[in-house]
Amino acid sequence: RNAADLERAVAAHAALPPSAALWLIHGKGPKATFGEAPVRAWMRATGFMDTKISAVSATLSATRYSIRSR
């Protein structure tokens, strides 16, 4: 729903191995209060790369993120 929720979700999964992927569900489209663009910006700034996006419903999308390889 917001950056604080995103931060908590990523922190809750911090013990996963580096090869694990995280799927994040977020709002879809220009009316989303916290949609794809802010999620992508936050995740990329913290070392993740988006690798796939999928529609979930008319109002939600899911994006898969993995830790960026160096």
PDB file of N, CA and C in Angstrom:
ATOM      1  N   ARG A   1       0.805  -1.209   0.000  1.00  0.00           N
ATOM      2  CA  ARG A   1       0.000   0.000   0.000  1.00  0.00           C
ATOM      3  C   ARG A   1       0.840   1.260   0.000  1.00  0.00           C
ATOM      4  N   ASN A   2       2.081   1.174   0.543  1.00  0.00           N
ATOM      5  CA  ASN A   2       2.939   2.360   0.626  1.00  0.00           C
ATOM      6  C   ASN A   2       4.382   1.913   0.839  1.00  0.00           C
ATOM      7  N   ALA A   3       5.303   2.874   0.891  1.00  0.00           N
ATOM      8  CA  ALA A   3       6.730   2.550   1.033  1.00  0.00           C
ATOM      9  C   ALA A   3       7.024   1.833   2.339  1.00  0.00           C
ATOM     10  N   ALA A   4       6.337   2.186   3.416  1.00  0.00           N
ATOM     11  CA  ALA A   4       6.577   1.515   4.697  1.00  0.00           C
ATOM     12  C   ALA A   4       6.177   0.035   4.621  1.00  0.00           C
ATOM     13  N   ASP A   5       5.047  -0.268   3.988  1.00  0.00           N
ATOM     14  CA  ASP A   5       4.635  -1.659   3.807  1.00  0.00           C
ATOM     15  C   ASP A   5       5.647  -2.424   2.955  1.00  0.00           C
ATOM     16  N   LEU A   6       6.134  -1.789   1.913  1.00  0.00           N
ATOM     17  CA  LEU A   6       7.122  -2.415   1.038  1.00  0.00           C
ATOM     18  C   LEU A   6       8.394  -2.721   1.808  1.00  0.00           C
ATOM     19  N   GLU A   7       8.861  -1.767   2.586  1.00  0.00           N
ATOM     20  CA  GLU A   7      10.070  -1.963   3.378  1.00  0.00           C
ATOM     21  C   GLU A   7       9.893  -3.114   4.367  1.00  0.00           C
ATOM     22  N   ARG A   8       8.755  -3.186   5.026  1.00  0.00           N
ATOM     23  CA  ARG A   8       8.489  -4.282   5.977  1.00  0.00           C
ATOM     24  C   ARG A   8       8.454  -5.632   5.261  1.00  0.00           C
ATOM     25  N   ALA A   9       7.842  -5.679   4.094  1.00  0.00           N
ATOM     26  CA  ALA A   9       7.747  -6.937   3.351  1.00  0.00           C
ATOM     27  C   ALA A   9       9.127  -7.439   2.934  1.00  0.00           C
ATOM     28  N   VAL A  10       9.961  -6.549   2.437  1.00  0.00           N
ATOM     29  CA  VAL A  10      11.313  -6.945   2.017  1.00  0.00           C
ATOM     30  C   VAL A  10      12.135  -7.367   3.241  1.00  0.00           C
ATOM     31  N   ALA A  11      12.028  -6.635   4.326  1.00  0.00           N
ATOM     32  CA  ALA A  11      12.765  -6.980   5.551  1.00  0.00           C
ATOM     33  C   ALA A  11      12.330  -8.342   6.096  1.00  0.00           C
ATOM     34  N   ALA A  12      11.053  -8.650   5.995  1.00  0.00           N
ATOM     35  CA  ALA A  12      10.541  -9.930   6.499  1.00  0.00           C
ATOM     36  C   ALA A  12      11.108 -11.113   5.725  1.00  0.00           C
ATOM     37  N   HIS A  13      11.583 -10.870   4.529  1.00  0.00           N
ATOM     38  CA  HIS A  13      12.134 -11.939   3.691  1.00  0.00           C
ATOM     39  C   HIS A  13      13.649 -11.825   3.523  1.00  0.00           C
ATOM     40  N   ALA A  14      14.294 -11.076   4.369  1.00  0.00           N
ATOM     41  CA  ALA A  14      15.739 -10.829   4.249  1.00  0.00           C
ATOM     42  C   ALA A  14      16.575 -12.088   4.410  1.00  0.00           C
ATOM     43  N   ALA A  15      16.063 -13.094   5.089  1.00  0.00           N
ATOM     44  CA  ALA A  15      16.836 -14.321   5.317  1.00  0.00           C
ATOM     45  C   ALA A  15      16.790 -15.287   4.139  1.00  0.00           C
ATOM     46  N   LEU A  16      16.029 -14.973   3.118  1.00  0.00           N
ATOM     47  CA  LEU A  16      15.986 -15.851   1.950  1.00  0.00           C
ATOM     48  C   LEU A  16      17.341 -15.866   1.251  1.00  0.00           C
ATOM     49  N   PRO A  17      17.682 -16.960   0.593  1.00  0.00           N
ATOM     50  CA  PRO A  17      18.946 -16.998  -0.137  1.00  0.00           C
ATOM     51  C   PRO A  17      18.951 -15.970  -1.270  1.00  0.00           C
ATOM     52  N   PRO A  18      20.126 -15.493  -1.660  1.00  0.00           N
ATOM     53  CA  PRO A  18      20.218 -14.477  -2.720  1.00  0.00           C
ATOM     54  C   PRO A  18      19.572 -14.894  -4.037  1.00  0.00           C
ATOM     55  N   SER A  19      19.470 -16.187  -4.287  1.00  0.00           N
ATOM     56  CA  SER A  19      18.877 -16.656  -5.538  1.00  0.00           C
ATOM     57  C   SER A  19      17.345 -16.655  -5.510  1.00  0.00           C
ATOM     58  N   ALA A  20      16.759 -16.441  -4.344  1.00  0.00           N
ATOM     59  CA  ALA A  20      15.295 -16.443  -4.227  1.00  0.00           C
ATOM     60  C   ALA A  20      14.704 -15.177  -4.851  1.00  0.00           C
ATOM     61  N   ALA A  21      13.528 -15.322  -5.389  1.00  0.00           N
ATOM     62  CA  ALA A  21      12.824 -14.181  -5.980  1.00  0.00           C
ATOM     63  C   ALA A  21      11.690 -13.750  -5.054  1.00  0.00           C
ATOM     64  N   LEU A  22      11.391 -12.468  -5.070  1.00  0.00           N
ATOM     65  CA  LEU A  22      10.257 -11.920  -4.336  1.00  0.00           C
ATOM     66  C   LEU A  22       9.215 -11.474  -5.342  1.00  0.00           C
ATOM     67  N   TRP A  23       7.980 -11.863  -5.128  1.00  0.00           N
ATOM     68  CA  TRP A  23       6.861 -11.357  -5.929  1.00  0.00           C
ATOM     69  C   TRP A  23       6.153 -10.316  -5.087  1.00  0.00           C
ATOM     70  N   LEU A  24       6.004  -9.129  -5.626  1.00  0.00           N
ATOM     71  CA  LEU A  24       5.324  -8.044  -4.933  1.00  0.00           C
ATOM     72  C   LEU A  24       4.058  -7.682  -5.693  1.00  0.00           C
ATOM     73  N   ILE A  25       2.949  -7.621  -4.976  1.00  0.00           N
ATOM     74  CA  ILE A  25       1.679  -7.237  -5.573  1.00  0.00           C
ATOM     75  C   ILE A  25       1.454  -5.761  -5.281  1.00  0.00           C
ATOM     76  N   HIS A  26       1.101  -5.015  -6.316  1.00  0.00           N
ATOM     77  CA  HIS A  26       0.935  -3.571  -6.189  1.00  0.00           C
ATOM     78  C   HIS A  26      -0.202  -3.105  -7.081  1.00  0.00           C
ATOM     79  N   GLY A  27      -0.622  -1.871  -6.858  1.00  0.00           N
ATOM     80  CA  GLY A  27      -1.688  -1.297  -7.668  1.00  0.00           C
ATOM     81  C   GLY A  27      -1.292  -1.195  -9.130  1.00  0.00           C
ATOM     82  N   LYS A  28      -2.299  -1.189  -9.984  1.00  0.00           N
ATOM     83  CA  LYS A  28      -2.085  -1.134 -11.427  1.00  0.00           C
ATOM     84  C   LYS A  28      -2.696   0.150 -11.983  1.00  0.00           C
ATOM     85  N   GLY A  29      -1.990   0.769 -12.902  1.00  0.00           N
ATOM     86  CA  GLY A  29      -2.531   1.906 -13.621  1.00  0.00           C
ATOM     87  C   GLY A  29      -2.329   3.244 -12.929  1.00  0.00           C
ATOM     88  N   PRO A  30      -2.717   4.312 -13.618  1.00  0.00           N
ATOM     89  CA  PRO A  30      -2.455   5.668 -13.117  1.00  0.00           C
ATOM     90  C   PRO A  30      -3.233   6.036 -11.853  1.00  0.00           C
ATOM     91  N   LYS A  31      -4.292   5.319 -11.542  1.00  0.00           N
ATOM     92  CA  LYS A  31      -5.071   5.622 -10.340  1.00  0.00           C
ATOM     93  C   LYS A  31      -4.561   4.897  -9.099  1.00  0.00           C
ATOM     94  N   ALA A  32      -3.563   4.048  -9.247  1.00  0.00           N
ATOM     95  CA  ALA A  32      -3.008   3.321  -8.102  1.00  0.00           C
ATOM     96  C   ALA A  32      -2.310   4.297  -7.161  1.00  0.00           C
ATOM     97  N   THR A  33      -2.575   4.175  -5.872  1.00  0.00           N
ATOM     98  CA  THR A  33      -1.940   5.081  -4.916  1.00  0.00           C
ATOM     99  C   THR A  33      -0.465   4.752  -4.722  1.00  0.00           C
ATOM    100  N   PHE A  34      -0.085   3.490  -4.847  1.00  0.00           N
ATOM    101  CA  PHE A  34       1.312   3.075  -4.753  1.00  0.00           C
ATOM    102  C   PHE A  34       1.495   1.948  -5.757  1.00  0.00           C
ATOM    103  N   GLY A  35       1.801   2.322  -6.985  1.00  0.00           N
ATOM    104  CA  GLY A  35       1.831   1.366  -8.080  1.00  0.00           C
ATOM    105  C   GLY A  35       3.220   0.937  -8.499  1.00  0.00           C
ATOM    106  N   GLU A  36       3.293   0.486  -9.739  1.00  0.00           N
ATOM    107  CA  GLU A  36       4.513  -0.114 -10.278  1.00  0.00           C
ATOM    108  C   GLU A  36       5.730   0.817 -10.222  1.00  0.00           C
ATOM    109  N   ALA A  37       5.575   2.067 -10.611  1.00  0.00           N
ATOM    110  CA  ALA A  37       6.734   2.972 -10.676  1.00  0.00           C
ATOM    111  C   ALA A  37       7.397   3.216  -9.324  1.00  0.00           C
ATOM    112  N   PRO A  38       6.666   3.559  -8.260  1.00  0.00           N
ATOM    113  CA  PRO A  38       7.346   3.756  -6.982  1.00  0.00           C
ATOM    114  C   PRO A  38       7.903   2.461  -6.397  1.00  0.00           C
ATOM    115  N   VAL A  39       7.212   1.344  -6.634  1.00  0.00           N
ATOM    116  CA  VAL A  39       7.732   0.050  -6.158  1.00  0.00           C
ATOM    117  C   VAL A  39       9.044  -0.251  -6.870  1.00  0.00           C
ATOM    118  N   ARG A  40       9.054  -0.108  -8.193  1.00  0.00           N
ATOM    119  CA  ARG A  40      10.266  -0.387  -8.971  1.00  0.00           C
ATOM    120  C   ARG A  40      11.418   0.528  -8.542  1.00  0.00           C
ATOM    121  N   ALA A  41      11.146   1.801  -8.366  1.00  0.00           N
ATOM    122  CA  ALA A  41      12.195   2.747  -7.964  1.00  0.00           C
ATOM    123  C   ALA A  41      12.780   2.363  -6.613  1.00  0.00           C
ATOM    124  N   TRP A  42      11.923   2.022  -5.660  1.00  0.00           N
ATOM    125  CA  TRP A  42      12.399   1.657  -4.317  1.00  0.00           C
ATOM    126  C   TRP A  42      13.208   0.370  -4.367  1.00  0.00           C
ATOM    127  N   MET A  43      12.683  -0.640  -5.066  1.00  0.00           N
ATOM    128  CA  MET A  43      13.375  -1.929  -5.135  1.00  0.00           C
ATOM    129  C   MET A  43      14.726  -1.798  -5.848  1.00  0.00           C
ATOM    130  N   ARG A  44      14.784  -1.066  -6.939  1.00  0.00           N
ATOM    131  CA  ARG A  44      16.064  -0.890  -7.640  1.00  0.00           C
ATOM    132  C   ARG A  44      17.055  -0.124  -6.785  1.00  0.00           C
ATOM    133  N   ALA A  45      16.587   0.854  -6.039  1.00  0.00           N
ATOM    134  CA  ALA A  45      17.474   1.634  -5.169  1.00  0.00           C
ATOM    135  C   ALA A  45      18.043   0.786  -4.034  1.00  0.00           C
ATOM    136  N   THR A  46      17.376  -0.306  -3.695  1.00  0.00           N
ATOM    137  CA  THR A  46      17.854  -1.167  -2.610  1.00  0.00           C
ATOM    138  C   THR A  46      18.535  -2.434  -3.121  1.00  0.00           C
ATOM    139  N   GLY A  47      18.859  -2.480  -4.420  1.00  0.00           N
ATOM    140  CA  GLY A  47      19.674  -3.574  -4.950  1.00  0.00           C
ATOM    141  C   GLY A  47      18.924  -4.693  -5.638  1.00  0.00           C
ATOM    142  N   PHE A  48      17.660  -4.506  -5.952  1.00  0.00           N
ATOM    143  CA  PHE A  48      16.880  -5.533  -6.632  1.00  0.00           C
ATOM    144  C   PHE A  48      16.645  -5.129  -8.086  1.00  0.00           C
ATOM    145  N   MET A  49      16.375  -6.137  -8.923  1.00  0.00           N
ATOM    146  CA  MET A  49      16.056  -5.896 -10.321  1.00  0.00           C
ATOM    147  C   MET A  49      14.754  -6.621 -10.634  1.00  0.00           C
ATOM    148  N   ASP A  50      13.854  -5.940 -11.304  1.00  0.00           N
ATOM    149  CA  ASP A  50      12.606  -6.573 -11.707  1.00  0.00           C
ATOM    150  C   ASP A  50      12.877  -7.485 -12.894  1.00  0.00           C
ATOM    151  N   THR A  51      12.295  -8.681 -12.845  1.00  0.00           N
ATOM    152  CA  THR A  51      12.564  -9.669 -13.882  1.00  0.00           C
ATOM    153  C   THR A  51      11.308 -10.153 -14.589  1.00  0.00           C
ATOM    154  N   LYS A  52      10.134  -9.818 -14.048  1.00  0.00           N
ATOM    155  CA  LYS A  52       8.889 -10.228 -14.700  1.00  0.00           C
ATOM    156  C   LYS A  52       7.735  -9.479 -14.056  1.00  0.00           C
ATOM    157  N   ILE A  53       6.705  -9.186 -14.837  1.00  0.00           N
ATOM    158  CA  ILE A  53       5.483  -8.570 -14.317  1.00  0.00           C
ATOM    159  C   ILE A  53       4.297  -9.354 -14.849  1.00  0.00           C
ATOM    160  N   SER A  54       3.266  -9.461 -14.029  1.00  0.00           N
ATOM    161  CA  SER A  54       2.094 -10.229 -14.414  1.00  0.00           C
ATOM    162  C   SER A  54       0.837  -9.565 -13.874  1.00  0.00           C
ATOM    163  N   ALA A  55      -0.210  -9.579 -14.656  1.00  0.00           N
ATOM    164  CA  ALA A  55      -1.495  -9.055 -14.193  1.00  0.00           C
ATOM    165  C   ALA A  55      -2.082 -10.013 -13.163  1.00  0.00           C
ATOM    166  N   VAL A  56      -2.646  -9.459 -12.111  1.00  0.00           N
ATOM    167  CA  VAL A  56      -3.315 -10.248 -11.084  1.00  0.00           C
ATOM    168  C   VAL A  56      -4.827 -10.069 -11.209  1.00  0.00           C
ATOM    169  N   SER A  57      -5.236  -8.840 -11.417  1.00  0.00           N
ATOM    170  CA  SER A  57      -6.651  -8.510 -11.568  1.00  0.00           C
ATOM    171  C   SER A  57      -6.749  -7.202 -12.355  1.00  0.00           C
ATOM    172  N   ALA A  58      -7.931  -6.654 -12.412  1.00  0.00           N
ATOM    173  CA  ALA A  58      -8.122  -5.383 -13.110  1.00  0.00           C
ATOM    174  C   ALA A  58      -7.429  -4.233 -12.393  1.00  0.00           C
ATOM    175  N   THR A  59      -7.168  -4.382 -11.098  1.00  0.00           N
ATOM    176  CA  THR A  59      -6.575  -3.292 -10.318  1.00  0.00           C
ATOM    177  C   THR A  59      -5.215  -3.621  -9.726  1.00  0.00           C
ATOM    178  N   LEU A  60      -4.745  -4.860  -9.867  1.00  0.00           N
ATOM    179  CA  LEU A  60      -3.473  -5.268  -9.265  1.00  0.00           C
ATOM    180  C   LEU A  60      -2.557  -5.944 -10.279  1.00  0.00           C
ATOM    181  N   SER A  61      -1.257  -5.721 -10.096  1.00  0.00           N
ATOM    182  CA  SER A  61      -0.216  -6.415 -10.850  1.00  0.00           C
ATOM    183  C   SER A  61       0.763  -7.006  -9.851  1.00  0.00           C
ATOM    184  N   ALA A  62       1.550  -7.967 -10.294  1.00  0.00           N
ATOM    185  CA  ALA A  62       2.608  -8.546  -9.469  1.00  0.00           C
ATOM    186  C   ALA A  62       3.912  -8.445 -10.254  1.00  0.00           C
ATOM    187  N   THR A  63       4.964  -8.058  -9.563  1.00  0.00           N
ATOM    188  CA  THR A  63       6.276  -7.956 -10.194  1.00  0.00           C
ATOM    189  C   THR A  63       7.256  -8.853  -9.425  1.00  0.00           C
ATOM    190  N   ARG A  64       8.056  -9.603 -10.163  1.00  0.00           N
ATOM    191  CA  ARG A  64       9.070 -10.464  -9.547  1.00  0.00           C
ATOM    192  C   ARG A  64      10.383  -9.709  -9.492  1.00  0.00           C
ATOM    193  N   TYR A  65      11.021  -9.752  -8.337  1.00  0.00           N
ATOM    194  CA  TYR A  65      12.309  -9.086  -8.115  1.00  0.00           C
ATOM    195  C   TYR A  65      13.325 -10.096  -7.618  1.00  0.00           C
ATOM    196  N   SER A  66      14.549  -9.913  -8.054  1.00  0.00           N
ATOM    197  CA  SER A  66      15.685 -10.699  -7.581  1.00  0.00           C
ATOM    198  C   SER A  66      16.803  -9.732  -7.212  1.00  0.00           C
ATOM    199  N   ILE A  67      17.685 -10.184  -6.333  1.00  0.00           N
ATOM    200  CA  ILE A  67      18.839  -9.354  -5.988  1.00  0.00           C
ATOM    201  C   ILE A  67      19.699  -9.197  -7.226  1.00  0.00           C
ATOM    202  N   ARG A  68      20.078  -7.973  -7.527  1.00  0.00           N
ATOM    203  CA  ARG A  68      20.868  -7.670  -8.716  1.00  0.00           C
ATOM    204  C   ARG A  68      22.220  -8.363  -8.610  1.00  0.00           C
ATOM    205  N   SER A  69      22.589  -9.082  -9.659  1.00  0.00           N
ATOM    206  CA  SER A  69      23.909  -9.710  -9.681  1.00  0.00           C
ATOM    207  C   SER A  69      24.949  -8.666 -10.007  1.00  0.00           C
ATOM    208  N   ARG A  70      26.120  -8.869  -9.483  1.00  0.00           N
ATOM    209  CA  ARG A  70      27.197  -7.872  -9.667  1.00  0.00           C
ATOM    210  C   ARG A  70      28.216  -8.341 -10.645  1.00  0.00           C
TER     211      ARG A  70
END
